[in-house]
N, C-alpha and C. Protein backbone atom coordinates (compact mmCIF):
# COMPACT_ATOMS: atom_id res chain seq x y z
N UNK A 1 -18.86 3.10 20.83
CA UNK A 1 -17.73 2.47 20.08
C UNK A 1 -16.10 2.87 20.65
N UNK A 2 -15.17 2.70 21.85
CA UNK A 2 -14.38 3.44 22.21
C UNK A 2 -13.24 4.57 21.40
N UNK A 3 -13.06 5.56 22.18
CA UNK A 3 -12.35 6.46 22.04
C UNK A 3 -11.54 6.54 21.14
N UNK A 4 -10.18 5.39 21.54
CA UNK A 4 -9.32 5.31 21.33
C UNK A 4 -8.84 3.85 19.50
N UNK A 5 -10.49 3.85 19.19
CA UNK A 5 -10.44 3.15 18.30
C UNK A 5 -9.80 3.90 17.02
N UNK A 6 -9.46 3.11 16.04
CA UNK A 6 -8.93 3.13 15.08
C UNK A 6 -9.45 2.59 13.66
N UNK A 7 -9.23 3.05 12.46
CA UNK A 7 -9.80 2.21 11.11
C UNK A 7 -8.49 1.58 11.17
N UNK A 8 -8.89 0.59 9.78
CA UNK A 8 -8.83 -0.32 9.13
C UNK A 8 -8.48 -0.61 8.23
N UNK A 9 -7.97 -0.70 7.39
CA UNK A 9 -8.33 -1.31 6.02
C UNK A 9 -7.97 -2.99 5.71
N UNK A 10 -8.95 -3.23 5.76
CA UNK A 10 -8.91 -5.54 5.24
C UNK A 10 -8.88 -5.93 3.95
N UNK A 11 -8.66 -6.64 3.33
CA UNK A 11 -7.54 -6.69 2.65
C UNK A 11 -7.60 -8.68 2.88
N UNK A 12 -8.52 -9.09 1.55
CA UNK A 12 -8.38 -10.62 1.25
C UNK A 12 -8.02 -11.10 0.47
N UNK A 13 -7.11 -11.99 0.71
CA UNK A 13 -6.40 -12.93 -0.93
C UNK A 13 -7.30 -13.97 -1.55
N UNK A 14 -6.92 -14.63 -2.25
CA UNK A 14 -7.18 -15.50 -3.03
C UNK A 14 -7.23 -16.96 -2.19
N UNK A 15 -6.63 -17.40 -1.17
CA UNK A 15 -6.91 -18.26 -0.65
C UNK A 15 -7.98 -17.95 0.86
N UNK A 16 -8.21 -16.73 1.22
CA UNK A 16 -9.45 -16.26 1.75
C UNK A 16 -8.66 -15.77 3.05
N UNK A 17 -6.93 -15.63 3.26
CA UNK A 17 -6.30 -15.18 4.26
C UNK A 17 -6.78 -12.94 4.58
N UNK A 18 -7.25 -12.69 5.61
CA UNK A 18 -7.12 -11.46 5.58
C UNK A 18 -6.14 -10.84 6.18
N UNK A 19 -6.23 -9.54 5.19
CA UNK A 19 -4.36 -8.83 6.24
C UNK A 19 -5.63 -7.19 6.52
N UNK A 20 -5.29 -7.38 8.10
CA UNK A 20 -6.34 -5.97 8.68
C UNK A 20 -4.54 -4.78 8.27
N UNK A 21 -5.11 -4.01 8.01
CA UNK A 21 -3.66 -2.68 7.78
C UNK A 21 -4.52 -1.19 8.36
N UNK A 22 -3.90 -0.78 9.64
CA UNK A 22 -4.17 0.32 10.95
C UNK A 22 -4.36 1.50 9.97
N UNK A 23 -4.90 2.41 10.07
CA UNK A 23 -4.55 3.63 9.83
C UNK A 23 -2.78 4.37 9.36
N UNK A 24 -2.38 3.47 11.14
CA UNK A 24 -0.90 3.93 10.62
C UNK A 24 -0.15 3.07 9.72
N UNK A 25 0.02 2.38 9.49
CA UNK A 25 0.11 1.29 8.77
C UNK A 25 0.39 1.93 7.33
N UNK A 26 -0.72 2.11 6.23
CA UNK A 26 -1.03 2.72 5.51
C UNK A 26 -0.25 4.24 5.55
N UNK A 27 -0.48 4.93 6.40
CA UNK A 27 -0.03 5.97 6.58
C UNK A 27 1.94 6.05 6.02
N UNK A 28 2.50 4.81 6.72
CA UNK A 28 3.77 4.81 6.89
C UNK A 28 3.97 4.34 5.29
N UNK A 29 2.77 3.49 4.83
CA UNK A 29 3.47 3.09 3.11
C UNK A 29 2.64 4.17 2.02
N UNK A 30 2.32 5.61 2.94
CA UNK A 30 2.15 5.96 1.57
C UNK A 30 3.31 6.79 1.04
N UNK A 31 3.59 6.56 -0.78
CA UNK A 31 4.24 6.54 -1.86
C UNK A 31 4.56 7.64 -1.38
N UNK A 32 5.96 8.71 -1.06
CA UNK A 32 6.77 9.79 -1.49
C UNK A 32 6.00 10.79 -2.65
N UNK A 33 5.81 12.08 -2.40
CA UNK A 33 5.05 13.30 -4.01
C UNK A 33 5.87 12.57 -4.99
N UNK A 34 7.70 12.61 -4.27
CA UNK A 34 7.80 12.74 -6.02
C UNK A 34 7.58 10.83 -6.60
N UNK A 35 7.52 9.86 -6.02
CA UNK A 35 7.28 8.44 -6.55
C UNK A 35 6.05 8.52 -7.15
N UNK A 36 4.91 9.34 -6.90
CA UNK A 36 3.49 9.46 -7.20
C UNK A 36 3.19 9.51 -9.09
N UNK A 37 3.98 10.30 -9.86
CA UNK A 37 4.31 10.26 -11.55
C UNK A 37 4.53 8.66 -11.43
N UNK A 38 5.31 8.16 -11.25
CA UNK A 38 5.66 6.87 -11.82
C UNK A 38 4.81 5.44 -11.49
N UNK A 39 4.31 6.11 -9.92
CA UNK A 39 3.03 4.42 -10.56
C UNK A 39 1.97 5.45 -10.92
N UNK A 40 1.74 5.94 -10.68
CA UNK A 40 0.17 6.48 -11.76
C UNK A 40 0.77 5.88 -12.96
N UNK A 41 2.28 5.86 -14.10
CA UNK A 41 2.44 5.89 -14.77
C UNK A 41 2.22 3.95 -15.54
N UNK A 42 2.71 3.69 -13.88
CA UNK A 42 2.70 2.00 -13.91
C UNK A 42 1.05 1.40 -13.93
N UNK A 43 0.72 1.78 -13.56
CA UNK A 43 -0.92 2.02 -13.08
C UNK A 43 -1.52 1.84 -14.44
N UNK A 44 -1.66 3.01 -15.06
CA UNK A 44 -2.77 3.36 -15.65
C UNK A 44 -3.27 2.71 -16.79
N UNK A 45 -2.59 1.74 -16.92
CA UNK A 45 -3.78 0.27 -17.76
C UNK A 45 -4.95 -0.40 -16.93
N UNK A 46 -4.57 0.27 -15.50
CA UNK A 46 -5.50 -0.67 -14.45
C UNK A 46 -7.14 0.27 -14.21
N UNK A 47 -7.87 0.08 -13.96
CA UNK A 47 -8.98 1.28 -13.57
C UNK A 47 -9.19 0.98 -11.95
N UNK A 48 -9.61 1.77 -11.63
CA UNK A 48 -9.66 1.64 -10.34
C UNK A 48 -10.99 1.24 -9.69
N UNK A 49 -10.78 0.33 -8.67
CA UNK A 49 -12.06 -0.35 -8.34
C UNK A 49 -12.23 0.47 -6.84
N UNK A 50 -13.33 0.95 -6.84
CA UNK A 50 -13.51 1.91 -5.16
C UNK A 50 -13.74 0.69 -4.14
N UNK A 51 -13.47 0.79 -2.75
CA UNK A 51 -13.22 0.64 -1.67
C UNK A 51 -14.85 0.64 -1.18
N UNK A 52 -13.89 1.95 -0.20
CA UNK A 52 -14.22 1.84 1.28
C UNK A 52 -14.00 2.96 1.47
N UNK A 53 -14.77 4.39 2.45
CA UNK A 53 -13.93 4.90 3.04
C UNK A 53 -12.74 5.75 2.62
N UNK A 54 -12.76 6.10 0.93
CA UNK A 54 -12.25 6.35 0.35
C UNK A 54 -11.15 6.28 -0.97
N UNK A 55 -11.13 4.69 -0.16
CA UNK A 55 -9.58 4.17 -0.62
C UNK A 55 -10.13 3.08 -2.50
N UNK A 56 -9.70 3.82 -2.87
CA UNK A 56 -10.02 2.45 -4.19
C UNK A 56 -8.69 1.53 -4.26
N UNK A 57 -9.30 0.52 -5.24
CA UNK A 57 -7.86 -0.58 -5.36
C UNK A 57 -7.11 0.38 -7.20
N UNK A 58 -5.97 0.33 -7.23
CA UNK A 58 -5.56 0.85 -8.35
C UNK A 58 -4.80 -0.49 -8.84
N UNK A 59 -4.12 -1.48 -8.44
CA UNK A 59 -3.68 -2.69 -9.21
C UNK A 59 -2.34 -3.26 -8.32
N UNK A 60 -1.90 -3.77 -8.65
CA UNK A 60 -0.60 -4.68 -8.45
C UNK A 60 0.72 -4.50 -9.30
N UNK A 61 1.11 -3.81 -8.73
CA UNK A 61 2.95 -3.72 -8.77
C UNK A 61 3.35 -4.87 -8.81
N UNK A 62 4.87 -5.03 -9.91
CA UNK A 62 5.58 -6.27 -9.43
C UNK A 62 7.08 -5.22 -9.21
N UNK A 63 7.49 -5.30 -8.15
CA UNK A 63 8.71 -4.47 -8.29
C UNK A 63 10.10 -5.11 -7.94
N UNK A 64 10.94 -4.65 -8.63
CA UNK A 64 12.29 -6.10 -8.29
C UNK A 64 13.00 -4.74 -6.99
N UNK A 65 13.54 -5.30 -6.24
CA UNK A 65 13.82 -5.57 -4.89
C UNK A 65 14.51 -4.35 -5.14
N UNK A 66 15.59 -4.24 -6.33
CA UNK A 66 16.13 -2.83 -6.71
C UNK A 66 15.53 -1.63 -7.25
N UNK A 67 14.40 -2.26 -7.32
CA UNK A 67 13.86 -0.67 -7.75
C UNK A 67 12.96 0.52 -7.10
N UNK A 68 13.61 1.76 -7.37
CA UNK A 68 13.65 2.69 -7.29
C UNK A 68 11.77 2.87 -5.16
N UNK A 69 10.63 2.09 -6.49
CA UNK A 69 9.39 2.24 -5.76
C UNK A 69 9.82 0.75 -4.73
N UNK A 70 10.65 0.12 -4.81
CA UNK A 70 10.15 -0.63 -3.66
C UNK A 70 10.38 -0.01 -2.20
N UNK A 71 11.39 0.83 -2.14
CA UNK A 71 11.79 1.84 -1.06
C UNK A 71 10.55 3.05 -1.02
N UNK A 72 9.48 2.65 -0.23
CA UNK A 72 8.17 3.62 -0.56
C UNK A 72 8.75 4.47 0.62
N UNK A 73 9.54 3.70 1.60
CA UNK A 73 9.32 5.05 2.61
C UNK A 73 10.66 5.32 3.07
N UNK A 74 10.71 6.85 3.74
CA UNK A 74 12.36 6.92 4.45
C UNK A 74 12.53 6.11 5.76
N UNK A 75 11.14 5.30 6.64
CA UNK A 75 11.76 5.02 7.66
C UNK A 75 12.41 3.58 8.03
N UNK A 76 12.99 4.19 8.07
CA UNK A 76 14.30 2.11 8.09
C UNK A 76 13.20 1.23 9.34
N UNK A 77 12.76 1.60 10.35
CA UNK A 77 11.93 0.91 11.28
C UNK A 77 10.48 0.21 10.43
N UNK A 78 10.52 0.28 8.68
CA UNK A 78 9.35 -0.13 8.30
C UNK A 78 10.00 -1.14 6.97
N UNK A 79 9.37 -2.29 7.00
CA UNK A 79 10.27 -2.92 5.98
C UNK A 79 10.24 -3.05 4.79
N UNK A 80 10.90 -2.94 3.76
CA UNK A 80 10.66 -2.48 2.40
C UNK A 80 11.43 -4.04 1.32
N UNK A 81 10.74 -3.07 0.34
CA UNK A 81 10.75 -4.96 -0.45
C UNK A 81 12.23 -5.82 -0.44
N UNK A 82 13.30 -5.05 -0.26
CA UNK A 82 14.58 -5.60 -0.70
C UNK A 82 14.68 -5.98 1.07
N UNK A 83 13.82 -6.21 1.80
CA UNK A 83 14.10 -6.99 3.49
C UNK A 83 13.02 -7.99 3.52
N UNK A 84 12.21 -8.11 2.17
CA UNK A 84 11.38 -9.43 3.03
C UNK A 84 11.82 -10.46 1.67
N UNK A 85 11.30 -11.39 2.30
CA UNK A 85 11.70 -12.90 1.39
C UNK A 85 10.81 -13.30 0.40
């Protein structure tokens, strides 16, 4: 393996489309510490499903654009729910 290789999380939707999320993307999307409790509360009724490499699927959030959780990173280079169609 190349020394500059990185791991990526790959998810697939119901239509069979793959989404490759490199580690850098996952790091950017990490919820701020002050949002952790709100997220856990919204996903409390969901069971975590182990994936791989220490990751679990925790659920799907429906987040209105004006919701504080739609803006999960202060990095303006990263799109948030308010910027996406």
